[in-house]
PDB file of all heavy atoms in Angstrom:
ATOM      1  N   LYS A   1       0.832  -1.206   0.000  1.00  0.00           N
ATOM      2  CA  LYS A   1       0.000   0.000   0.000  1.00  0.00           C
ATOM      3  C   LYS A   1       0.873   1.266   0.000  1.00  0.00           C
ATOM      4  O   LYS A   1       1.730   1.423  -0.843  1.00  0.00           O
ATOM      5  CB  LYS A   1      -0.949  -0.013   1.200  1.00  0.00           C
ATOM      6  CG  LYS A   1      -1.791  -1.279   1.302  1.00  0.00           C
ATOM      7  CD  LYS A   1      -2.728  -1.431   0.142  1.00  0.00           C
ATOM      8  CE  LYS A   1      -3.748  -2.540   0.321  1.00  0.00           C
ATOM      9  NZ  LYS A   1      -3.160  -3.902   0.366  1.00  0.00           N
ATOM     10  N   THR A   2       0.621   2.157   0.951  1.00  0.00           N
ATOM     11  CA  THR A   2       1.306   3.452   0.943  1.00  0.00           C
ATOM     12  C   THR A   2       2.807   3.336   1.214  1.00  0.00           C
ATOM     13  O   THR A   2       3.566   4.245   0.888  1.00  0.00           O
ATOM     14  CB  THR A   2       0.696   4.379   2.016  1.00  0.00           C
ATOM     15  OG1 THR A   2       0.720   3.711   3.284  1.00  0.00           O
ATOM     16  CG2 THR A   2      -0.741   4.713   1.663  1.00  0.00           C
ATOM     17  N   PHE A   3       3.254   2.215   1.799  1.00  0.00           N
ATOM     18  CA  PHE A   3       4.684   2.036   2.027  1.00  0.00           C
ATOM     19  C   PHE A   3       5.424   1.722   0.726  1.00  0.00           C
ATOM     20  O   PHE A   3       6.655   1.615   0.729  1.00  0.00           O
ATOM     21  CB  PHE A   3       4.931   0.945   3.074  1.00  0.00           C
ATOM     22  CG  PHE A   3       4.854   1.469   4.487  1.00  0.00           C
ATOM     23  CD1 PHE A   3       3.792   2.261   4.894  1.00  0.00           C
ATOM     24  CD2 PHE A   3       5.853   1.193   5.403  1.00  0.00           C
ATOM     25  CE1 PHE A   3       3.712   2.764   6.185  1.00  0.00           C
ATOM     26  CE2 PHE A   3       5.796   1.688   6.695  1.00  0.00           C
ATOM     27  CZ  PHE A   3       4.722   2.478   7.094  1.00  0.00           C
ATOM     28  N   ALA A   4       4.675   1.568  -0.364  1.00  0.00           N
ATOM     29  CA  ALA A   4       5.279   1.419  -1.693  1.00  0.00           C
ATOM     30  C   ALA A   4       4.908   2.598  -2.587  1.00  0.00           C
ATOM     31  O   ALA A   4       5.016   2.518  -3.813  1.00  0.00           O
ATOM     32  CB  ALA A   4       4.844   0.110  -2.339  1.00  0.00           C
ATOM     33  N   LYS A   5       4.496   3.688  -1.969  1.00  0.00           N
ATOM     34  CA  LYS A   5       4.167   4.906  -2.719  1.00  0.00           C
ATOM     35  C   LYS A   5       5.396   5.795  -2.788  1.00  0.00           C
ATOM     36  O   LYS A   5       5.987   6.143  -1.751  1.00  0.00           O
ATOM     37  CB  LYS A   5       3.025   5.660  -2.038  1.00  0.00           C
ATOM     38  CG  LYS A   5       2.644   6.953  -2.763  1.00  0.00           C
ATOM     39  CD  LYS A   5       1.527   7.704  -2.048  1.00  0.00           C
ATOM     40  CE  LYS A   5       1.188   8.981  -2.813  1.00  0.00           C
ATOM     41  NZ  LYS A   5       0.112   9.765  -2.146  1.00  0.00           N
ATOM     42  N   MET A   6       5.784   6.184  -3.989  1.00  0.00           N
ATOM     43  CA  MET A   6       6.976   7.016  -4.166  1.00  0.00           C
ATOM     44  C   MET A   6       6.900   7.752  -5.491  1.00  0.00           C
ATOM     45  O   MET A   6       6.151   7.379  -6.393  1.00  0.00           O
ATOM     46  CB  MET A   6       8.238   6.145  -4.129  1.00  0.00           C
ATOM     47  CG  MET A   6       8.277   5.060  -5.184  1.00  0.00           C
ATOM     48  SD  MET A   6       9.309   3.658  -4.734  1.00  0.00           S
ATOM     49  CE  MET A   6       8.449   2.948  -3.346  1.00  0.00           C
ATOM     50  N   ASN A   7       7.684   8.820  -5.596  1.00  0.00           N
ATOM     51  CA  ASN A   7       7.783   9.591  -6.842  1.00  0.00           C
ATOM     52  C   ASN A   7       9.222   9.540  -7.348  1.00  0.00           C
ATOM     53  O   ASN A   7      10.125   9.907  -6.604  1.00  0.00           O
ATOM     54  CB  ASN A   7       7.427  11.067  -6.607  1.00  0.00           C
ATOM     55  CG  ASN A   7       6.012  11.269  -6.159  1.00  0.00           C
ATOM     56  OD1 ASN A   7       5.145  10.440  -6.381  1.00  0.00           O
ATOM     57  ND2 ASN A   7       5.765  12.385  -5.494  1.00  0.00           N
ATOM     58  N   PRO A   8       9.466   9.138  -8.593  1.00  0.00           N
ATOM     59  CA  PRO A   8       8.492   8.528  -9.495  1.00  0.00           C
ATOM     60  C   PRO A   8       8.071   7.154  -8.976  1.00  0.00           C
ATOM     61  O   PRO A   8       8.780   6.557  -8.156  1.00  0.00           O
ATOM     62  CB  PRO A   8       9.253   8.428 -10.818  1.00  0.00           C
ATOM     63  CG  PRO A   8      10.683   8.337 -10.407  1.00  0.00           C
ATOM     64  CD  PRO A   8      10.821   9.194  -9.181  1.00  0.00           C
ATOM     65  N   PRO A   9       6.951   6.643  -9.454  1.00  0.00           N
ATOM     66  CA  PRO A   9       6.415   5.412  -8.869  1.00  0.00           C
ATOM     67  C   PRO A   9       7.122   4.154  -9.353  1.00  0.00           C
ATOM     68  O   PRO A   9       7.881   4.172 -10.334  1.00  0.00           O
ATOM     69  CB  PRO A   9       4.961   5.427  -9.353  1.00  0.00           C
ATOM     70  CG  PRO A   9       5.036   6.126 -10.676  1.00  0.00           C
ATOM     71  CD  PRO A   9       6.078   7.199 -10.496  1.00  0.00           C
ATOM     72  N   LEU A  10       6.871   3.074  -8.632  1.00  0.00           N
ATOM     73  CA  LEU A  10       7.252   1.754  -9.133  1.00  0.00           C
ATOM     74  C   LEU A  10       6.455   1.497 -10.395  1.00  0.00           C
ATOM     75  O   LEU A  10       5.249   1.744 -10.455  1.00  0.00           O
ATOM     76  CB  LEU A  10       6.944   0.683  -8.086  1.00  0.00           C
ATOM     77  CG  LEU A  10       7.652   0.846  -6.741  1.00  0.00           C
ATOM     78  CD1 LEU A  10       7.099  -0.163  -5.732  1.00  0.00           C
ATOM     79  CD2 LEU A  10       9.153   0.691  -6.894  1.00  0.00           C
ATOM     80  N   ARG A  11       7.129   0.980 -11.429  1.00  0.00           N
ATOM     81  CA  ARG A  11       6.444   0.789 -12.708  1.00  0.00           C
ATOM     82  C   ARG A  11       6.344  -0.692 -13.061  1.00  0.00           C
ATOM     83  O   ARG A  11       6.225  -1.548 -12.169  1.00  0.00           O
ATOM     84  CB  ARG A  11       7.151   1.608 -13.781  1.00  0.00           C
ATOM     85  CG  ARG A  11       7.171   3.111 -13.464  1.00  0.00           C
ATOM     86  CD  ARG A  11       7.374   3.955 -14.683  1.00  0.00           C
ATOM     87  NE  ARG A  11       7.589   5.353 -14.360  1.00  0.00           N
ATOM     88  CZ  ARG A  11       6.613   6.256 -14.166  1.00  0.00           C
ATOM     89  NH1 ARG A  11       5.348   5.888 -14.262  1.00  0.00           N
ATOM     90  NH2 ARG A  11       6.906   7.514 -13.883  1.00  0.00           N
ATOM     91  N   THR A  12       6.388  -1.012 -14.315  1.00  0.00           N
ATOM     92  CA  THR A  12       6.144  -2.379 -14.765  1.00  0.00           C
ATOM     93  C   THR A  12       7.412  -3.211 -14.721  1.00  0.00           C
ATOM     94  O   THR A  12       8.522  -2.686 -14.547  1.00  0.00           O
ATOM     95  CB  THR A  12       5.609  -2.384 -16.202  1.00  0.00           C
ATOM     96  OG1 THR A  12       6.661  -1.930 -17.081  1.00  0.00           O
ATOM     97  CG2 THR A  12       4.397  -1.462 -16.354  1.00  0.00           C
ATOM     98  N   ASP A  13       7.248  -4.510 -14.909  1.00  0.00           N
ATOM     99  CA  ASP A  13       8.425  -5.377 -14.943  1.00  0.00           C
ATOM    100  C   ASP A  13       9.300  -5.043 -16.146  1.00  0.00           C
ATOM    101  O   ASP A  13      10.527  -5.177 -16.076  1.00  0.00           O
ATOM    102  CB  ASP A  13       7.997  -6.849 -14.980  1.00  0.00           C
ATOM    103  CG  ASP A  13       9.158  -7.794 -14.673  1.00  0.00           C
ATOM    104  OD1 ASP A  13       9.791  -7.612 -13.613  1.00  0.00           O
ATOM    105  OD2 ASP A  13       9.444  -8.675 -15.493  1.00  0.00           O
ATOM    106  N   TRP A  14       8.688  -4.617 -17.235  1.00  0.00           N
ATOM    107  CA  TRP A  14       9.466  -4.187 -18.404  1.00  0.00           C
ATOM    108  C   TRP A  14      10.365  -3.009 -18.045  1.00  0.00           C
ATOM    109  O   TRP A  14      11.548  -2.987 -18.414  1.00  0.00           O
ATOM    110  CB  TRP A  14       8.538  -3.796 -19.554  1.00  0.00           C
ATOM    111  CG  TRP A  14       9.275  -3.316 -20.774  1.00  0.00           C
ATOM    112  CD1 TRP A  14       9.844  -4.075 -21.752  1.00  0.00           C
ATOM    113  CD2 TRP A  14       9.536  -1.943 -21.139  1.00  0.00           C
ATOM    114  NE1 TRP A  14      10.436  -3.271 -22.711  1.00  0.00           N
ATOM    115  CE2 TRP A  14      10.268  -1.965 -22.356  1.00  0.00           C
ATOM    116  CE3 TRP A  14       9.229  -0.716 -20.573  1.00  0.00           C
ATOM    117  CZ2 TRP A  14      10.675  -0.807 -23.004  1.00  0.00           C
ATOM    118  CZ3 TRP A  14       9.646   0.446 -21.203  1.00  0.00           C
ATOM    119  CH2 TRP A  14      10.361   0.397 -22.405  1.00  0.00           C
ATOM    120  N   ASP A  15       9.831  -2.034 -17.336  1.00  0.00           N
ATOM    121  CA  ASP A  15      10.639  -0.889 -16.905  1.00  0.00           C
ATOM    122  C   ASP A  15      11.765  -1.337 -15.987  1.00  0.00           C
ATOM    123  O   ASP A  15      12.909  -0.877 -16.120  1.00  0.00           O
ATOM    124  CB  ASP A  15       9.758   0.131 -16.183  1.00  0.00           C
ATOM    125  CG  ASP A  15       8.752   0.797 -17.099  1.00  0.00           C
ATOM    126  OD1 ASP A  15       9.181   1.508 -18.024  1.00  0.00           O
ATOM    127  OD2 ASP A  15       7.548   0.611 -16.893  1.00  0.00           O
ATOM    128  N   ARG A  16      11.446  -2.228 -15.047  1.00  0.00           N
ATOM    129  CA  ARG A  16      12.469  -2.727 -14.116  1.00  0.00           C
ATOM    130  C   ARG A  16      13.605  -3.409 -14.883  1.00  0.00           C
ATOM    131  O   ARG A  16      14.787  -3.189 -14.603  1.00  0.00           O
ATOM    132  CB  ARG A  16      11.830  -3.698 -13.121  1.00  0.00           C
ATOM    133  CG  ARG A  16      12.785  -4.163 -12.010  1.00  0.00           C
ATOM    134  CD  ARG A  16      12.125  -5.229 -11.139  1.00  0.00           C
ATOM    135  NE  ARG A  16      11.904  -6.451 -11.902  1.00  0.00           N
ATOM    136  CZ  ARG A  16      12.809  -7.404 -12.089  1.00  0.00           C
ATOM    137  NH1 ARG A  16      14.021  -7.274 -11.583  1.00  0.00           N
ATOM    138  NH2 ARG A  16      12.521  -8.480 -12.789  1.00  0.00           N
ATOM    139  N   GLU A  17      13.251  -4.223 -15.867  1.00  0.00           N
ATOM    140  CA  GLU A  17      14.276  -4.914 -16.652  1.00  0.00           C
ATOM    141  C   GLU A  17      15.100  -3.936 -17.485  1.00  0.00           C
ATOM    142  O   GLU A  17      16.310  -4.130 -17.665  1.00  0.00           O
ATOM    143  CB  GLU A  17      13.613  -5.962 -17.549  1.00  0.00           C
ATOM    144  CG  GLU A  17      13.054  -7.159 -16.777  1.00  0.00           C
ATOM    145  CD  GLU A  17      12.351  -8.160 -17.672  1.00  0.00           C
ATOM    146  OE1 GLU A  17      12.211  -7.880 -18.889  1.00  0.00           O
ATOM    147  OE2 GLU A  17      11.934  -9.210 -17.154  1.00  0.00           O
ATOM    148  N   LYS A  18      14.470  -2.889 -17.970  1.00  0.00           N
ATOM    149  CA  LYS A  18      15.207  -1.872 -18.733  1.00  0.00           C
ATOM    150  C   LYS A  18      16.199  -1.123 -17.830  1.00  0.00           C
ATOM    151  O   LYS A  18      17.307  -0.772 -18.260  1.00  0.00           O
ATOM    152  CB  LYS A  18      14.231  -0.885 -19.374  1.00  0.00           C
ATOM    153  CG  LYS A  18      13.398  -1.475 -20.501  1.00  0.00           C
ATOM    154  CD  LYS A  18      14.204  -1.655 -21.780  1.00  0.00           C
ATOM    155  CE  LYS A  18      14.468  -0.335 -22.460  1.00  0.00           C
ATOM    156  NZ  LYS A  18      15.124  -0.508 -23.791  1.00  0.00           N
ATOM    157  N   ILE A  19      15.814  -0.890 -16.595  1.00  0.00           N
ATOM    158  CA  ILE A  19      16.727  -0.245 -15.643  1.00  0.00           C
ATOM    159  C   ILE A  19      17.925  -1.148 -15.381  1.00  0.00           C
ATOM    160  O   ILE A  19      19.079  -0.696 -15.377  1.00  0.00           O
ATOM    161  CB  ILE A  19      15.985   0.105 -14.340  1.00  0.00           C
ATOM    162  CG1 ILE A  19      14.996   1.243 -14.599  1.00  0.00           C
ATOM    163  CG2 ILE A  19      16.973   0.494 -13.237  1.00  0.00           C
ATOM    164  CD1 ILE A  19      14.028   1.492 -13.474  1.00  0.00           C
ATOM    165  N   ILE A  20      17.675  -2.431 -15.189  1.00  0.00           N
ATOM    166  CA  ILE A  20      18.780  -3.372 -14.990  1.00  0.00           C
ATOM    167  C   ILE A  20      19.674  -3.418 -16.230  1.00  0.00           C
ATOM    168  O   ILE A  20      20.913  -3.440 -16.118  1.00  0.00           O
ATOM    169  CB  ILE A  20      18.234  -4.773 -14.645  1.00  0.00           C
ATOM    170  CG1 ILE A  20      17.587  -4.753 -13.247  1.00  0.00           C
ATOM    171  CG2 ILE A  20      19.342  -5.826 -14.700  1.00  0.00           C
ATOM    172  CD1 ILE A  20      16.871  -6.019 -12.876  1.00  0.00           C
ATOM    173  N   GLU A  21      19.073  -3.397 -17.396  1.00  0.00           N
ATOM    174  CA  GLU A  21      19.855  -3.351 -18.640  1.00  0.00           C
ATOM    175  C   GLU A  21      20.733  -2.101 -18.668  1.00  0.00           C
ATOM    176  O   GLU A  21      21.907  -2.149 -19.054  1.00  0.00           O
ATOM    177  CB  GLU A  21      18.895  -3.346 -19.833  1.00  0.00           C
ATOM    178  CG  GLU A  21      19.532  -3.235 -21.195  1.00  0.00           C
ATOM    179  CD  GLU A  21      18.500  -3.082 -22.306  1.00  0.00           C
ATOM    180  OE1 GLU A  21      17.669  -4.005 -22.460  1.00  0.00           O
ATOM    181  OE2 GLU A  21      18.504  -2.038 -23.006  1.00  0.00           O
ATOM    182  N   GLY A  22      20.166  -0.962 -18.229  1.00  0.00           N
ATOM    183  CA  GLY A  22      20.932   0.281 -18.180  1.00  0.00           C
ATOM    184  C   GLY A  22      22.063   0.237 -17.177  1.00  0.00           C
ATOM    185  O   GLY A  22      23.131   0.813 -17.401  1.00  0.00           O
ATOM    186  N   LEU A  23      21.846  -0.443 -16.065  1.00  0.00           N
ATOM    187  CA  LEU A  23      22.921  -0.626 -15.085  1.00  0.00           C
ATOM    188  C   LEU A  23      24.034  -1.502 -15.653  1.00  0.00           C
ATOM    189  O   LEU A  23      25.221  -1.247 -15.434  1.00  0.00           O
ATOM    190  CB  LEU A  23      22.355  -1.255 -13.815  1.00  0.00           C
ATOM    191  CG  LEU A  23      21.505  -0.336 -12.926  1.00  0.00           C
ATOM    192  CD1 LEU A  23      20.664  -1.152 -11.949  1.00  0.00           C
ATOM    193  CD2 LEU A  23      22.388   0.650 -12.165  1.00  0.00           C
ATOM    194  N   LYS A  24      23.657  -2.510 -16.391  1.00  0.00           N
ATOM    195  CA  LYS A  24      24.646  -3.436 -16.943  1.00  0.00           C
ATOM    196  C   LYS A  24      25.532  -2.779 -17.999  1.00  0.00           C
ATOM    197  O   LYS A  24      26.732  -3.056 -18.059  1.00  0.00           O
ATOM    198  CB  LYS A  24      23.935  -4.663 -17.539  1.00  0.00           C
ATOM    199  CG  LYS A  24      23.305  -5.575 -16.500  1.00  0.00           C
ATOM    200  CD  LYS A  24      22.422  -6.637 -17.120  1.00  0.00           C
ATOM    201  CE  LYS A  24      23.217  -7.677 -17.884  1.00  0.00           C
ATOM    202  NZ  LYS A  24      22.332  -8.793 -18.346  1.00  0.00           N
ATOM    203  N   ASP A  25      24.956  -1.921 -18.837  1.00  0.00           N
ATOM    204  CA  ASP A  25      25.764  -1.329 -19.909  1.00  0.00           C
ATOM    205  C   ASP A  25      26.274   0.081 -19.572  1.00  0.00           C
ATOM    206  O   ASP A  25      26.781   0.788 -20.431  1.00  0.00           O
ATOM    207  CB  ASP A  25      25.000  -1.332 -21.236  1.00  0.00           C
ATOM    208  CG  ASP A  25      23.831  -0.352 -21.292  1.00  0.00           C
ATOM    209  OD1 ASP A  25      23.642   0.425 -20.332  1.00  0.00           O
ATOM    210  OD2 ASP A  25      23.094  -0.375 -22.297  1.00  0.00           O
ATOM    211  N   ASN A  26      26.112   0.471 -18.299  1.00  0.00           N
ATOM    212  CA  ASN A  26      26.603   1.757 -17.788  1.00  0.00           C
ATOM    213  C   ASN A  26      25.875   2.969 -18.338  1.00  0.00           C
ATOM    214  O   ASN A  26      26.362   4.102 -18.211  1.00  0.00           O
ATOM    215  CB  ASN A  26      28.114   1.909 -17.996  1.00  0.00           C
ATOM    216  CG  ASN A  26      28.913   1.191 -16.931  1.00  0.00           C
ATOM    217  OD1 ASN A  26      28.516   1.146 -15.769  1.00  0.00           O
ATOM    218  ND2 ASN A  26      30.029   0.597 -17.327  1.00  0.00           N
ATOM    219  N   THR A  27      24.707   2.756 -18.919  1.00  0.00           N
ATOM    220  CA  THR A  27      23.840   3.903 -19.178  1.00  0.00           C
ATOM    221  C   THR A  27      23.477   4.546 -17.841  1.00  0.00           C
ATOM    222  O   THR A  27      23.427   5.767 -17.711  1.00  0.00           O
ATOM    223  CB  THR A  27      22.567   3.462 -19.915  1.00  0.00           C
ATOM    224  OG1 THR A  27      22.930   2.948 -21.194  1.00  0.00           O
ATOM    225  CG2 THR A  27      21.601   4.626 -20.095  1.00  0.00           C
ATOM    226  N   ILE A  28      23.240   3.715 -16.843  1.00  0.00           N
ATOM    227  CA  ILE A  28      22.994   4.174 -15.474  1.00  0.00           C
ATOM    228  C   ILE A  28      24.242   3.857 -14.668  1.00  0.00           C
ATOM    229  O   ILE A  28      24.567   2.697 -14.446  1.00  0.00           O
ATOM    230  CB  ILE A  28      21.763   3.481 -14.864  1.00  0.00           C
ATOM    231  CG1 ILE A  28      20.529   3.713 -15.734  1.00  0.00           C
ATOM    232  CG2 ILE A  28      21.523   3.963 -13.437  1.00  0.00           C
ATOM    233  CD1 ILE A  28      19.311   2.904 -15.319  1.00  0.00           C
ATOM    234  N   GLU A  29      24.963   4.899 -14.234  1.00  0.00           N
ATOM    235  CA  GLU A  29      26.236   4.687 -13.539  1.00  0.00           C
ATOM    236  C   GLU A  29      26.109   4.696 -12.033  1.00  0.00           C
ATOM    237  O   GLU A  29      27.024   4.268 -11.340  1.00  0.00           O
ATOM    238  CB  GLU A  29      27.246   5.798 -13.895  1.00  0.00           C
ATOM    239  CG  GLU A  29      27.517   5.976 -15.363  1.00  0.00           C
ATOM    240  CD  GLU A  29      26.788   7.179 -15.899  1.00  0.00           C
ATOM    241  OE1 GLU A  29      25.645   7.406 -15.476  1.00  0.00           O
ATOM    242  OE2 GLU A  29      27.367   7.888 -16.742  1.00  0.00           O
ATOM    243  N   ILE A  30      24.988   5.211 -11.507  1.00  0.00           N
ATOM    244  CA  ILE A  30      24.901   5.486 -10.077  1.00  0.00           C
ATOM    245  C   ILE A  30      23.692   4.788  -9.453  1.00  0.00           C
ATOM    246  O   ILE A  30      22.596   4.795 -10.024  1.00  0.00           O
ATOM    247  CB  ILE A  30      24.808   7.007  -9.827  1.00  0.00           C
ATOM    248  CG1 ILE A  30      26.106   7.695 -10.261  1.00  0.00           C
ATOM    249  CG2 ILE A  30      24.497   7.310  -8.366  1.00  0.00           C
ATOM    250  CD1 ILE A  30      26.054   9.209 -10.203  1.00  0.00           C
TER     251      ILE A  30
END
C-alpha cells in the first residue's frame, strides 16, 4: 500500500528490466 508509494512510482516489470539493462551497460552509472 502506501509504504510502496513514491515519486516517481514503481512501474512495470518491463521498466524494471530496462533499468537493470541500463545498469549493466553503464547507461545508469549510479
